[in-house]
């Protein structure tokens, strides 16, 4: 609903990006 046209982002890369700070903290 916040971006009805889509984000044009690869879901796997977004998931990796979310895990990286946790692994580095």
PDBML (XML) file of the C-alpha atoms, coordinates in Angstrom:
<?xml version="1.0" encoding="UTF-8" ?>
<PDBx:datablock datablockName="MODEL"
   xmlns:PDBx="http://pdbml.pdb.org/schema/pdbx-v50.xsd"
   xmlns:xsi="http://www.w3.org/2001/XMLSchema-instance"
   xsi:schemaLocation="http://pdbml.pdb.org/schema/pdbx-v50.xsd pdbx-v50.xsd">
   <PDBx:atom_siteCategory>
      <PDBx:atom_site id="1">
         <PDBx:B_iso_or_equiv>0.00</PDBx:B_iso_or_equiv>
         <PDBx:Cartn_x>0.000</PDBx:Cartn_x>
         <PDBx:Cartn_y>0.000</PDBx:Cartn_y>
         <PDBx:Cartn_z>0.000</PDBx:Cartn_z>
         <PDBx:auth_asym_id>A</PDBx:auth_asym_id>
         <PDBx:auth_atom_id>CA</PDBx:auth_atom_id>
         <PDBx:auth_comp_id>UNK</PDBx:auth_comp_id>
         <PDBx:auth_seq_id>1</PDBx:auth_seq_id>
         <PDBx:group_PDB>ATOM</PDBx:group_PDB>
         <PDBx:label_alt_id xsi:nil="true" />
         <PDBx:label_asym_id>A</PDBx:label_asym_id>
         <PDBx:label_atom_id>CA</PDBx:label_atom_id>
         <PDBx:label_comp_id>UNK</PDBx:label_comp_id>
         <PDBx:label_entity_id>1</PDBx:label_entity_id>
         <PDBx:label_seq_id>1</PDBx:label_seq_id>
         <PDBx:occupancy>1.00</PDBx:occupancy>
         <PDBx:pdbx_PDB_model_num>1</PDBx:pdbx_PDB_model_num>
         <PDBx:type_symbol>C</PDBx:type_symbol>
      </PDBx:atom_site>
      <PDBx:atom_site id="2">
         <PDBx:B_iso_or_equiv>0.00</PDBx:B_iso_or_equiv>
         <PDBx:Cartn_x>2.935</PDBx:Cartn_x>
         <PDBx:Cartn_y>2.368</PDBx:Cartn_y>
         <PDBx:Cartn_z>0.611</PDBx:Cartn_z>
         <PDBx:auth_asym_id>A</PDBx:auth_asym_id>
         <PDBx:auth_atom_id>CA</PDBx:auth_atom_id>
         <PDBx:auth_comp_id>UNK</PDBx:auth_comp_id>
         <PDBx:auth_seq_id>2</PDBx:auth_seq_id>
         <PDBx:group_PDB>ATOM</PDBx:group_PDB>
         <PDBx:label_alt_id xsi:nil="true" />
         <PDBx:label_asym_id>A</PDBx:label_asym_id>
         <PDBx:label_atom_id>CA</PDBx:label_atom_id>
         <PDBx:label_comp_id>UNK</PDBx:label_comp_id>
         <PDBx:label_entity_id>1</PDBx:label_entity_id>
         <PDBx:label_seq_id>2</PDBx:label_seq_id>
         <PDBx:occupancy>1.00</PDBx:occupancy>
         <PDBx:pdbx_PDB_model_num>1</PDBx:pdbx_PDB_model_num>
         <PDBx:type_symbol>C</PDBx:type_symbol>
      </PDBx:atom_site>
      <PDBx:atom_site id="3">
         <PDBx:B_iso_or_equiv>0.00</PDBx:B_iso_or_equiv>
         <PDBx:Cartn_x>4.418</PDBx:Cartn_x>
         <PDBx:Cartn_y>1.646</PDBx:Cartn_y>
         <PDBx:Cartn_z>-2.829</PDBx:Cartn_z>
         <PDBx:auth_asym_id>A</PDBx:auth_asym_id>
         <PDBx:auth_atom_id>CA</PDBx:auth_atom_id>
         <PDBx:auth_comp_id>UNK</PDBx:auth_comp_id>
         <PDBx:auth_seq_id>3</PDBx:auth_seq_id>
         <PDBx:group_PDB>ATOM</PDBx:group_PDB>
         <PDBx:label_alt_id xsi:nil="true" />
         <PDBx:label_asym_id>A</PDBx:label_asym_id>
         <PDBx:label_atom_id>CA</PDBx:label_atom_id>
         <PDBx:label_comp_id>UNK</PDBx:label_comp_id>
         <PDBx:label_entity_id>1</PDBx:label_entity_id>
         <PDBx:label_seq_id>3</PDBx:label_seq_id>
         <PDBx:occupancy>1.00</PDBx:occupancy>
         <PDBx:pdbx_PDB_model_num>1</PDBx:pdbx_PDB_model_num>
         <PDBx:type_symbol>C</PDBx:type_symbol>
      </PDBx:atom_site>
      <PDBx:atom_site id="4">
         <PDBx:B_iso_or_equiv>0.00</PDBx:B_iso_or_equiv>
         <PDBx:Cartn_x>1.721</PDBx:Cartn_x>
         <PDBx:Cartn_y>0.223</PDBx:Cartn_y>
         <PDBx:Cartn_z>-5.145</PDBx:Cartn_z>
         <PDBx:auth_asym_id>A</PDBx:auth_asym_id>
         <PDBx:auth_atom_id>CA</PDBx:auth_atom_id>
         <PDBx:auth_comp_id>UNK</PDBx:auth_comp_id>
         <PDBx:auth_seq_id>4</PDBx:auth_seq_id>
         <PDBx:group_PDB>ATOM</PDBx:group_PDB>
         <PDBx:label_alt_id xsi:nil="true" />
         <PDBx:label_asym_id>A</PDBx:label_asym_id>
         <PDBx:label_atom_id>CA</PDBx:label_atom_id>
         <PDBx:label_comp_id>UNK</PDBx:label_comp_id>
         <PDBx:label_entity_id>1</PDBx:label_entity_id>
         <PDBx:label_seq_id>4</PDBx:label_seq_id>
         <PDBx:occupancy>1.00</PDBx:occupancy>
         <PDBx:pdbx_PDB_model_num>1</PDBx:pdbx_PDB_model_num>
         <PDBx:type_symbol>C</PDBx:type_symbol>
      </PDBx:atom_site>
      <PDBx:atom_site id="5">
         <PDBx:B_iso_or_equiv>0.00</PDBx:B_iso_or_equiv>
         <PDBx:Cartn_x>4.003</PDBx:Cartn_x>
         <PDBx:Cartn_y>0.285</PDBx:Cartn_y>
         <PDBx:Cartn_z>-8.219</PDBx:Cartn_z>
         <PDBx:auth_asym_id>A</PDBx:auth_asym_id>
         <PDBx:auth_atom_id>CA</PDBx:auth_atom_id>
         <PDBx:auth_comp_id>UNK</PDBx:auth_comp_id>
         <PDBx:auth_seq_id>5</PDBx:auth_seq_id>
         <PDBx:group_PDB>ATOM</PDBx:group_PDB>
         <PDBx:label_alt_id xsi:nil="true" />
         <PDBx:label_asym_id>A</PDBx:label_asym_id>
         <PDBx:label_atom_id>CA</PDBx:label_atom_id>
         <PDBx:label_comp_id>UNK</PDBx:label_comp_id>
         <PDBx:label_entity_id>1</PDBx:label_entity_id>
         <PDBx:label_seq_id>5</PDBx:label_seq_id>
         <PDBx:occupancy>1.00</PDBx:occupancy>
         <PDBx:pdbx_PDB_model_num>1</PDBx:pdbx_PDB_model_num>
         <PDBx:type_symbol>C</PDBx:type_symbol>
      </PDBx:atom_site>
      <PDBx:atom_site id="6">
         <PDBx:B_iso_or_equiv>0.00</PDBx:B_iso_or_equiv>
         <PDBx:Cartn_x>6.499</PDBx:Cartn_x>
         <PDBx:Cartn_y>-1.983</PDBx:Cartn_y>
         <PDBx:Cartn_z>-6.491</PDBx:Cartn_z>
         <PDBx:auth_asym_id>A</PDBx:auth_asym_id>
         <PDBx:auth_atom_id>CA</PDBx:auth_atom_id>
         <PDBx:auth_comp_id>UNK</PDBx:auth_comp_id>
         <PDBx:auth_seq_id>6</PDBx:auth_seq_id>
         <PDBx:group_PDB>ATOM</PDBx:group_PDB>
         <PDBx:label_alt_id xsi:nil="true" />
         <PDBx:label_asym_id>A</PDBx:label_asym_id>
         <PDBx:label_atom_id>CA</PDBx:label_atom_id>
         <PDBx:label_comp_id>UNK</PDBx:label_comp_id>
         <PDBx:label_entity_id>1</PDBx:label_entity_id>
         <PDBx:label_seq_id>6</PDBx:label_seq_id>
         <PDBx:occupancy>1.00</PDBx:occupancy>
         <PDBx:pdbx_PDB_model_num>1</PDBx:pdbx_PDB_model_num>
         <PDBx:type_symbol>C</PDBx:type_symbol>
      </PDBx:atom_site>
      <PDBx:atom_site id="7">
         <PDBx:B_iso_or_equiv>0.00</PDBx:B_iso_or_equiv>
         <PDBx:Cartn_x>9.994</PDBx:Cartn_x>
         <PDBx:Cartn_y>-1.678</PDBx:Cartn_y>
         <PDBx:Cartn_z>-5.097</PDBx:Cartn_z>
         <PDBx:auth_asym_id>A</PDBx:auth_asym_id>
         <PDBx:auth_atom_id>CA</PDBx:auth_atom_id>
         <PDBx:auth_comp_id>UNK</PDBx:auth_comp_id>
         <PDBx:auth_seq_id>7</PDBx:auth_seq_id>
         <PDBx:group_PDB>ATOM</PDBx:group_PDB>
         <PDBx:label_alt_id xsi:nil="true" />
         <PDBx:label_asym_id>A</PDBx:label_asym_id>
         <PDBx:label_atom_id>CA</PDBx:label_atom_id>
         <PDBx:label_comp_id>UNK</PDBx:label_comp_id>
         <PDBx:label_entity_id>1</PDBx:label_entity_id>
         <PDBx:label_seq_id>7</PDBx:label_seq_id>
         <PDBx:occupancy>1.00</PDBx:occupancy>
         <PDBx:pdbx_PDB_model_num>1</PDBx:pdbx_PDB_model_num>
         <PDBx:type_symbol>C</PDBx:type_symbol>
      </PDBx:atom_site>
      <PDBx:atom_site id="8">
         <PDBx:B_iso_or_equiv>0.00</PDBx:B_iso_or_equiv>
         <PDBx:Cartn_x>11.939</PDBx:Cartn_x>
         <PDBx:Cartn_y>-3.212</PDBx:Cartn_y>
         <PDBx:Cartn_z>-8.013</PDBx:Cartn_z>
         <PDBx:auth_asym_id>A</PDBx:auth_asym_id>
         <PDBx:auth_atom_id>CA</PDBx:auth_atom_id>
         <PDBx:auth_comp_id>UNK</PDBx:auth_comp_id>
         <PDBx:auth_seq_id>8</PDBx:auth_seq_id>
         <PDBx:group_PDB>ATOM</PDBx:group_PDB>
         <PDBx:label_alt_id xsi:nil="true" />
         <PDBx:label_asym_id>A</PDBx:label_asym_id>
         <PDBx:label_atom_id>CA</PDBx:label_atom_id>
         <PDBx:label_comp_id>UNK</PDBx:label_comp_id>
         <PDBx:label_entity_id>1</PDBx:label_entity_id>
         <PDBx:label_seq_id>8</PDBx:label_seq_id>
         <PDBx:occupancy>1.00</PDBx:occupancy>
         <PDBx:pdbx_PDB_model_num>1</PDBx:pdbx_PDB_model_num>
         <PDBx:type_symbol>C</PDBx:type_symbol>
      </PDBx:atom_site>
      <PDBx:atom_site id="9">
         <PDBx:B_iso_or_equiv>0.00</PDBx:B_iso_or_equiv>
         <PDBx:Cartn_x>14.244</PDBx:Cartn_x>
         <PDBx:Cartn_y>-4.952</PDBx:Cartn_y>
         <PDBx:Cartn_z>-5.504</PDBx:Cartn_z>
         <PDBx:auth_asym_id>A</PDBx:auth_asym_id>
         <PDBx:auth_atom_id>CA</PDBx:auth_atom_id>
         <PDBx:auth_comp_id>UNK</PDBx:auth_comp_id>
         <PDBx:auth_seq_id>9</PDBx:auth_seq_id>
         <PDBx:group_PDB>ATOM</PDBx:group_PDB>
         <PDBx:label_alt_id xsi:nil="true" />
         <PDBx:label_asym_id>A</PDBx:label_asym_id>
         <PDBx:label_atom_id>CA</PDBx:label_atom_id>
         <PDBx:label_comp_id>UNK</PDBx:label_comp_id>
         <PDBx:label_entity_id>1</PDBx:label_entity_id>
         <PDBx:label_seq_id>9</PDBx:label_seq_id>
         <PDBx:occupancy>1.00</PDBx:occupancy>
         <PDBx:pdbx_PDB_model_num>1</PDBx:pdbx_PDB_model_num>
         <PDBx:type_symbol>C</PDBx:type_symbol>
      </PDBx:atom_site>
      <PDBx:atom_site id="10">
         <PDBx:B_iso_or_equiv>0.00</PDBx:B_iso_or_equiv>
         <PDBx:Cartn_x>15.409</PDBx:Cartn_x>
         <PDBx:Cartn_y>-8.559</PDBx:Cartn_y>
         <PDBx:Cartn_z>-5.491</PDBx:Cartn_z>
         <PDBx:auth_asym_id>A</PDBx:auth_asym_id>
         <PDBx:auth_atom_id>CA</PDBx:auth_atom_id>
         <PDBx:auth_comp_id>UNK</PDBx:auth_comp_id>
         <PDBx:auth_seq_id>10</PDBx:auth_seq_id>
         <PDBx:group_PDB>ATOM</PDBx:group_PDB>
         <PDBx:label_alt_id xsi:nil="true" />
         <PDBx:label_asym_id>A</PDBx:label_asym_id>
         <PDBx:label_atom_id>CA</PDBx:label_atom_id>
         <PDBx:label_comp_id>UNK</PDBx:label_comp_id>
         <PDBx:label_entity_id>1</PDBx:label_entity_id>
         <PDBx:label_seq_id>10</PDBx:label_seq_id>
         <PDBx:occupancy>1.00</PDBx:occupancy>
         <PDBx:pdbx_PDB_model_num>1</PDBx:pdbx_PDB_model_num>
         <PDBx:type_symbol>C</PDBx:type_symbol>
      </PDBx:atom_site>
      <PDBx:atom_site id="11">
         <PDBx:B_iso_or_equiv>0.00</PDBx:B_iso_or_equiv>
         <PDBx:Cartn_x>13.878</PDBx:Cartn_x>
         <PDBx:Cartn_y>-10.221</PDBx:Cartn_y>
         <PDBx:Cartn_z>-2.406</PDBx:Cartn_z>
         <PDBx:auth_asym_id>A</PDBx:auth_asym_id>
         <PDBx:auth_atom_id>CA</PDBx:auth_atom_id>
         <PDBx:auth_comp_id>UNK</PDBx:auth_comp_id>
         <PDBx:auth_seq_id>11</PDBx:auth_seq_id>
         <PDBx:group_PDB>ATOM</PDBx:group_PDB>
         <PDBx:label_alt_id xsi:nil="true" />
         <PDBx:label_asym_id>A</PDBx:label_asym_id>
         <PDBx:label_atom_id>CA</PDBx:label_atom_id>
         <PDBx:label_comp_id>UNK</PDBx:label_comp_id>
         <PDBx:label_entity_id>1</PDBx:label_entity_id>
         <PDBx:label_seq_id>11</PDBx:label_seq_id>
         <PDBx:occupancy>1.00</PDBx:occupancy>
         <PDBx:pdbx_PDB_model_num>1</PDBx:pdbx_PDB_model_num>
         <PDBx:type_symbol>C</PDBx:type_symbol>
      </PDBx:atom_site>
      <PDBx:atom_site id="12">
         <PDBx:B_iso_or_equiv>0.00</PDBx:B_iso_or_equiv>
         <PDBx:Cartn_x>16.925</PDBx:Cartn_x>
         <PDBx:Cartn_y>-12.420</PDBx:Cartn_y>
         <PDBx:Cartn_z>-1.759</PDBx:Cartn_z>
         <PDBx:auth_asym_id>A</PDBx:auth_asym_id>
         <PDBx:auth_atom_id>CA</PDBx:auth_atom_id>
         <PDBx:auth_comp_id>UNK</PDBx:auth_comp_id>
         <PDBx:auth_seq_id>12</PDBx:auth_seq_id>
         <PDBx:group_PDB>ATOM</PDBx:group_PDB>
         <PDBx:label_alt_id xsi:nil="true" />
         <PDBx:label_asym_id>A</PDBx:label_asym_id>
         <PDBx:label_atom_id>CA</PDBx:label_atom_id>
         <PDBx:label_comp_id>UNK</PDBx:label_comp_id>
         <PDBx:label_entity_id>1</PDBx:label_entity_id>
         <PDBx:label_seq_id>12</PDBx:label_seq_id>
         <PDBx:occupancy>1.00</PDBx:occupancy>
         <PDBx:pdbx_PDB_model_num>1</PDBx:pdbx_PDB_model_num>
         <PDBx:type_symbol>C</PDBx:type_symbol>
      </PDBx:atom_site>
      <PDBx:atom_site id="13">
         <PDBx:B_iso_or_equiv>0.00</PDBx:B_iso_or_equiv>
         <PDBx:Cartn_x>19.301</PDBx:Cartn_x>
         <PDBx:Cartn_y>-9.469</PDBx:Cartn_y>
         <PDBx:Cartn_z>-1.854</PDBx:Cartn_z>
         <PDBx:auth_asym_id>A</PDBx:auth_asym_id>
         <PDBx:auth_atom_id>CA</PDBx:auth_atom_id>
         <PDBx:auth_comp_id>UNK</PDBx:auth_comp_id>
         <PDBx:auth_seq_id>13</PDBx:auth_seq_id>
         <PDBx:group_PDB>ATOM</PDBx:group_PDB>
         <PDBx:label_alt_id xsi:nil="true" />
         <PDBx:label_asym_id>A</PDBx:label_asym_id>
         <PDBx:label_atom_id>CA</PDBx:label_atom_id>
         <PDBx:label_comp_id>UNK</PDBx:label_comp_id>
         <PDBx:label_entity_id>1</PDBx:label_entity_id>
         <PDBx:label_seq_id>13</PDBx:label_seq_id>
         <PDBx:occupancy>1.00</PDBx:occupancy>
         <PDBx:pdbx_PDB_model_num>1</PDBx:pdbx_PDB_model_num>
         <PDBx:type_symbol>C</PDBx:type_symbol>
      </PDBx:atom_site>
      <PDBx:atom_site id="14">
         <PDBx:B_iso_or_equiv>0.00</PDBx:B_iso_or_equiv>
         <PDBx:Cartn_x>17.027</PDBx:Cartn_x>
         <PDBx:Cartn_y>-7.497</PDBx:Cartn_y>
         <PDBx:Cartn_z>0.500</PDBx:Cartn_z>
         <PDBx:auth_asym_id>A</PDBx:auth_asym_id>
         <PDBx:auth_atom_id>CA</PDBx:auth_atom_id>
         <PDBx:auth_comp_id>UNK</PDBx:auth_comp_id>
         <PDBx:auth_seq_id>14</PDBx:auth_seq_id>
         <PDBx:group_PDB>ATOM</PDBx:group_PDB>
         <PDBx:label_alt_id xsi:nil="true" />
         <PDBx:label_asym_id>A</PDBx:label_asym_id>
         <PDBx:label_atom_id>CA</PDBx:label_atom_id>
         <PDBx:label_comp_id>UNK</PDBx:label_comp_id>
         <PDBx:label_entity_id>1</PDBx:label_entity_id>
         <PDBx:label_seq_id>14</PDBx:label_seq_id>
         <PDBx:occupancy>1.00</PDBx:occupancy>
         <PDBx:pdbx_PDB_model_num>1</PDBx:pdbx_PDB_model_num>
         <PDBx:type_symbol>C</PDBx:type_symbol>
      </PDBx:atom_site>
      <PDBx:atom_site id="15">
         <PDBx:B_iso_or_equiv>0.00</PDBx:B_iso_or_equiv>
         <PDBx:Cartn_x>17.033</PDBx:Cartn_x>
         <PDBx:Cartn_y>-10.456</PDBx:Cartn_y>
         <PDBx:Cartn_z>2.926</PDBx:Cartn_z>
         <PDBx:auth_asym_id>A</PDBx:auth_asym_id>
         <PDBx:auth_atom_id>CA</PDBx:auth_atom_id>
         <PDBx:auth_comp_id>UNK</PDBx:auth_comp_id>
         <PDBx:auth_seq_id>15</PDBx:auth_seq_id>
         <PDBx:group_PDB>ATOM</PDBx:group_PDB>
         <PDBx:label_alt_id xsi:nil="true" />
         <PDBx:label_asym_id>A</PDBx:label_asym_id>
         <PDBx:label_atom_id>CA</PDBx:label_atom_id>
         <PDBx:label_comp_id>UNK</PDBx:label_comp_id>
         <PDBx:label_entity_id>1</PDBx:label_entity_id>
         <PDBx:label_seq_id>15</PDBx:label_seq_id>
         <PDBx:occupancy>1.00</PDBx:occupancy>
         <PDBx:pdbx_PDB_model_num>1</PDBx:pdbx_PDB_model_num>
         <PDBx:type_symbol>C</PDBx:type_symbol>
      </PDBx:atom_site>
      <PDBx:atom_site id="16">
         <PDBx:B_iso_or_equiv>0.00</PDBx:B_iso_or_equiv>
         <PDBx:Cartn_x>20.852</PDBx:Cartn_x>
         <PDBx:Cartn_y>-10.642</PDBx:Cartn_y>
         <PDBx:Cartn_z>2.763</PDBx:Cartn_z>
         <PDBx:auth_asym_id>A</PDBx:auth_asym_id>
         <PDBx:auth_atom_id>CA</PDBx:auth_atom_id>
         <PDBx:auth_comp_id>UNK</PDBx:auth_comp_id>
         <PDBx:auth_seq_id>16</PDBx:auth_seq_id>
         <PDBx:group_PDB>ATOM</PDBx:group_PDB>
         <PDBx:label_alt_id xsi:nil="true" />
         <PDBx:label_asym_id>A</PDBx:label_asym_id>
         <PDBx:label_atom_id>CA</PDBx:label_atom_id>
         <PDBx:label_comp_id>UNK</PDBx:label_comp_id>
         <PDBx:label_entity_id>1</PDBx:label_entity_id>
         <PDBx:label_seq_id>16</PDBx:label_seq_id>
         <PDBx:occupancy>1.00</PDBx:occupancy>
         <PDBx:pdbx_PDB_model_num>1</PDBx:pdbx_PDB_model_num>
         <PDBx:type_symbol>C</PDBx:type_symbol>
      </PDBx:atom_site>
      <PDBx:atom_site id="17">
         <PDBx:B_iso_or_equiv>0.00</PDBx:B_iso_or_equiv>
         <PDBx:Cartn_x>21.073</PDBx:Cartn_x>
         <PDBx:Cartn_y>-6.907</PDBx:Cartn_y>
         <PDBx:Cartn_z>3.383</PDBx:Cartn_z>
         <PDBx:auth_asym_id>A</PDBx:auth_asym_id>
         <PDBx:auth_atom_id>CA</PDBx:auth_atom_id>
         <PDBx:auth_comp_id>UNK</PDBx:auth_comp_id>
         <PDBx:auth_seq_id>17</PDBx:auth_seq_id>
         <PDBx:group_PDB>ATOM</PDBx:group_PDB>
         <PDBx:label_alt_id xsi:nil="true" />
         <PDBx:label_asym_id>A</PDBx:label_asym_id>
         <PDBx:label_atom_id>CA</PDBx:label_atom_id>
         <PDBx:label_comp_id>UNK</PDBx:label_comp_id>
         <PDBx:label_entity_id>1</PDBx:label_entity_id>
         <PDBx:label_seq_id>17</PDBx:label_seq_id>
         <PDBx:occupancy>1.00</PDBx:occupancy>
         <PDBx:pdbx_PDB_model_num>1</PDBx:pdbx_PDB_model_num>
         <PDBx:type_symbol>C</PDBx:type_symbol>
      </PDBx:atom_site>
      <PDBx:atom_site id="18">
         <PDBx:B_iso_or_equiv>0.00</PDBx:B_iso_or_equiv>
         <PDBx:Cartn_x>18.895</PDBx:Cartn_x>
         <PDBx:Cartn_y>-7.337</PDBx:Cartn_y>
         <PDBx:Cartn_z>6.488</PDBx:Cartn_z>
         <PDBx:auth_asym_id>A</PDBx:auth_asym_id>
         <PDBx:auth_atom_id>CA</PDBx:auth_atom_id>
         <PDBx:auth_comp_id>UNK</PDBx:auth_comp_id>
         <PDBx:auth_seq_id>18</PDBx:auth_seq_id>
         <PDBx:group_PDB>ATOM</PDBx:group_PDB>
         <PDBx:label_alt_id xsi:nil="true" />
         <PDBx:label_asym_id>A</PDBx:label_asym_id>
         <PDBx:label_atom_id>CA</PDBx:label_atom_id>
         <PDBx:label_comp_id>UNK</PDBx:label_comp_id>
         <PDBx:label_entity_id>1</PDBx:label_entity_id>
         <PDBx:label_seq_id>18</PDBx:label_seq_id>
         <PDBx:occupancy>1.00</PDBx:occupancy>
         <PDBx:pdbx_PDB_model_num>1</PDBx:pdbx_PDB_model_num>
         <PDBx:type_symbol>C</PDBx:type_symbol>
      </PDBx:atom_site>
      <PDBx:atom_site id="19">
         <PDBx:B_iso_or_equiv>0.00</PDBx:B_iso_or_equiv>
         <PDBx:Cartn_x>21.092</PDBx:Cartn_x>
         <PDBx:Cartn_y>-10.165</PDBx:Cartn_y>
         <PDBx:Cartn_z>7.870</PDBx:Cartn_z>
         <PDBx:auth_asym_id>A</PDBx:auth_asym_id>
         <PDBx:auth_atom_id>CA</PDBx:auth_atom_id>
         <PDBx:auth_comp_id>UNK</PDBx:auth_comp_id>
         <PDBx:auth_seq_id>19</PDBx:auth_seq_id>
         <PDBx:group_PDB>ATOM</PDBx:group_PDB>
         <PDBx:label_alt_id xsi:nil="true" />
         <PDBx:label_asym_id>A</PDBx:label_asym_id>
         <PDBx:label_atom_id>CA</PDBx:label_atom_id>
         <PDBx:label_comp_id>UNK</PDBx:label_comp_id>
         <PDBx:label_entity_id>1</PDBx:label_entity_id>
         <PDBx:label_seq_id>19</PDBx:label_seq_id>
         <PDBx:occupancy>1.00</PDBx:occupancy>
         <PDBx:pdbx_PDB_model_num>1</PDBx:pdbx_PDB_model_num>
         <PDBx:type_symbol>C</PDBx:type_symbol>
      </PDBx:atom_site>
      <PDBx:atom_site id="20">
         <PDBx:B_iso_or_equiv>0.00</PDBx:B_iso_or_equiv>
         <PDBx:Cartn_x>24.455</PDBx:Cartn_x>
         <PDBx:Cartn_y>-8.479</PDBx:Cartn_y>
         <PDBx:Cartn_z>7.313</PDBx:Cartn_z>
         <PDBx:auth_asym_id>A</PDBx:auth_asym_id>
         <PDBx:auth_atom_id>CA</PDBx:auth_atom_id>
         <PDBx:auth_comp_id>UNK</PDBx:auth_comp_id>
         <PDBx:auth_seq_id>20</PDBx:auth_seq_id>
         <PDBx:group_PDB>ATOM</PDBx:group_PDB>
         <PDBx:label_alt_id xsi:nil="true" />
         <PDBx:label_asym_id>A</PDBx:label_asym_id>
         <PDBx:label_atom_id>CA</PDBx:label_atom_id>
         <PDBx:label_comp_id>UNK</PDBx:label_comp_id>
         <PDBx:label_entity_id>1</PDBx:label_entity_id>
         <PDBx:label_seq_id>20</PDBx:label_seq_id>
         <PDBx:occupancy>1.00</PDBx:occupancy>
         <PDBx:pdbx_PDB_model_num>1</PDBx:pdbx_PDB_model_num>
         <PDBx:type_symbol>C</PDBx:type_symbol>
      </PDBx:atom_site>
      <PDBx:atom_site id="21">
         <PDBx:B_iso_or_equiv>0.00</PDBx:B_iso_or_equiv>
         <PDBx:Cartn_x>24.223</PDBx:Cartn_x>
         <PDBx:Cartn_y>-5.832</PDBx:Cartn_y>
         <PDBx:Cartn_z>10.101</PDBx:Cartn_z>
         <PDBx:auth_asym_id>A</PDBx:auth_asym_id>
         <PDBx:auth_atom_id>CA</PDBx:auth_atom_id>
         <PDBx:auth_comp_id>UNK</PDBx:auth_comp_id>
         <PDBx:auth_seq_id>21</PDBx:auth_seq_id>
         <PDBx:group_PDB>ATOM</PDBx:group_PDB>
         <PDBx:label_alt_id xsi:nil="true" />
         <PDBx:label_asym_id>A</PDBx:label_asym_id>
         <PDBx:label_atom_id>CA</PDBx:label_atom_id>
         <PDBx:label_comp_id>UNK</PDBx:label_comp_id>
         <PDBx:label_entity_id>1</PDBx:label_entity_id>
         <PDBx:label_seq_id>21</PDBx:label_seq_id>
         <PDBx:occupancy>1.00</PDBx:occupancy>
         <PDBx:pdbx_PDB_model_num>1</PDBx:pdbx_PDB_model_num>
         <PDBx:type_symbol>C</PDBx:type_symbol>
      </PDBx:atom_site>
      <PDBx:atom_site id="22">
         <PDBx:B_iso_or_equiv>0.00</PDBx:B_iso_or_equiv>
         <PDBx:Cartn_x>23.059</PDBx:Cartn_x>
         <PDBx:Cartn_y>-8.475</PDBx:Cartn_y>
         <PDBx:Cartn_z>12.566</PDBx:Cartn_z>
         <PDBx:auth_asym_id>A</PDBx:auth_asym_id>
         <PDBx:auth_atom_id>CA</PDBx:auth_atom_id>
         <PDBx:auth_comp_id>UNK</PDBx:auth_comp_id>
         <PDBx:auth_seq_id>22</PDBx:auth_seq_id>
         <PDBx:group_PDB>ATOM</PDBx:group_PDB>
         <PDBx:label_alt_id xsi:nil="true" />
         <PDBx:label_asym_id>A</PDBx:label_asym_id>
         <PDBx:label_atom_id>CA</PDBx:label_atom_id>
         <PDBx:label_comp_id>UNK</PDBx:label_comp_id>
         <PDBx:label_entity_id>1</PDBx:label_entity_id>
         <PDBx:label_seq_id>22</PDBx:label_seq_id>
         <PDBx:occupancy>1.00</PDBx:occupancy>
         <PDBx:pdbx_PDB_model_num>1</PDBx:pdbx_PDB_model_num>
         <PDBx:type_symbol>C</PDBx:type_symbol>
      </PDBx:atom_site>
      <PDBx:atom_site id="23">
         <PDBx:B_iso_or_equiv>0.00</PDBx:B_iso_or_equiv>
         <PDBx:Cartn_x>26.060</PDBx:Cartn_x>
         <PDBx:Cartn_y>-10.649</PDBx:Cartn_y>
         <PDBx:Cartn_z>11.733</PDBx:Cartn_z>
         <PDBx:auth_asym_id>A</PDBx:auth_asym_id>
         <PDBx:auth_atom_id>CA</PDBx:auth_atom_id>
         <PDBx:auth_comp_id>UNK</PDBx:auth_comp_id>
         <PDBx:auth_seq_id>23</PDBx:auth_seq_id>
         <PDBx:group_PDB>ATOM</PDBx:group_PDB>
         <PDBx:label_alt_id xsi:nil="true" />
         <PDBx:label_asym_id>A</PDBx:label_asym_id>
         <PDBx:label_atom_id>CA</PDBx:label_atom_id>
         <PDBx:label_comp_id>UNK</PDBx:label_comp_id>
         <PDBx:label_entity_id>1</PDBx:label_entity_id>
         <PDBx:label_seq_id>23</PDBx:label_seq_id>
         <PDBx:occupancy>1.00</PDBx:occupancy>
         <PDBx:pdbx_PDB_model_num>1</PDBx:pdbx_PDB_model_num>
         <PDBx:type_symbol>C</PDBx:type_symbol>
      </PDBx:atom_site>
      <PDBx:atom_site id="24">
         <PDBx:B_iso_or_equiv>0.00</PDBx:B_iso_or_equiv>
         <PDBx:Cartn_x>28.430</PDBx:Cartn_x>
         <PDBx:Cartn_y>-7.687</PDBx:Cartn_y>
         <PDBx:Cartn_z>12.095</PDBx:Cartn_z>
         <PDBx:auth_asym_id>A</PDBx:auth_asym_id>
         <PDBx:auth_atom_id>CA</PDBx:auth_atom_id>
         <PDBx:auth_comp_id>UNK</PDBx:auth_comp_id>
         <PDBx:auth_seq_id>24</PDBx:auth_seq_id>
         <PDBx:group_PDB>ATOM</PDBx:group_PDB>
         <PDBx:label_alt_id xsi:nil="true" />
         <PDBx:label_asym_id>A</PDBx:label_asym_id>
         <PDBx:label_atom_id>CA</PDBx:label_atom_id>
         <PDBx:label_comp_id>UNK</PDBx:label_comp_id>
         <PDBx:label_entity_id>1</PDBx:label_entity_id>
         <PDBx:label_seq_id>24</PDBx:label_seq_id>
         <PDBx:occupancy>1.00</PDBx:occupancy>
         <PDBx:pdbx_PDB_model_num>1</PDBx:pdbx_PDB_model_num>
         <PDBx:type_symbol>C</PDBx:type_symbol>
      </PDBx:atom_site>
      <PDBx:atom_site id="25">
         <PDBx:B_iso_or_equiv>0.00</PDBx:B_iso_or_equiv>
         <PDBx:Cartn_x>27.067</PDBx:Cartn_x>
         <PDBx:Cartn_y>-6.450</PDBx:Cartn_y>
         <PDBx:Cartn_z>15.436</PDBx:Cartn_z>
         <PDBx:auth_asym_id>A</PDBx:auth_asym_id>
         <PDBx:auth_atom_id>CA</PDBx:auth_atom_id>
         <PDBx:auth_comp_id>UNK</PDBx:auth_comp_id>
         <PDBx:auth_seq_id>25</PDBx:auth_seq_id>
         <PDBx:group_PDB>ATOM</PDBx:group_PDB>
         <PDBx:label_alt_id xsi:nil="true" />
         <PDBx:label_asym_id>A</PDBx:label_asym_id>
         <PDBx:label_atom_id>CA</PDBx:label_atom_id>
         <PDBx:label_comp_id>UNK</PDBx:label_comp_id>
         <PDBx:label_entity_id>1</PDBx:label_entity_id>
         <PDBx:label_seq_id>25</PDBx:label_seq_id>
         <PDBx:occupancy>1.00</PDBx:occupancy>
         <PDBx:pdbx_PDB_model_num>1</PDBx:pdbx_PDB_model_num>
         <PDBx:type_symbol>C</PDBx:type_symbol>
      </PDBx:atom_site>
   </PDBx:atom_siteCategory>
</PDBx:datablock>
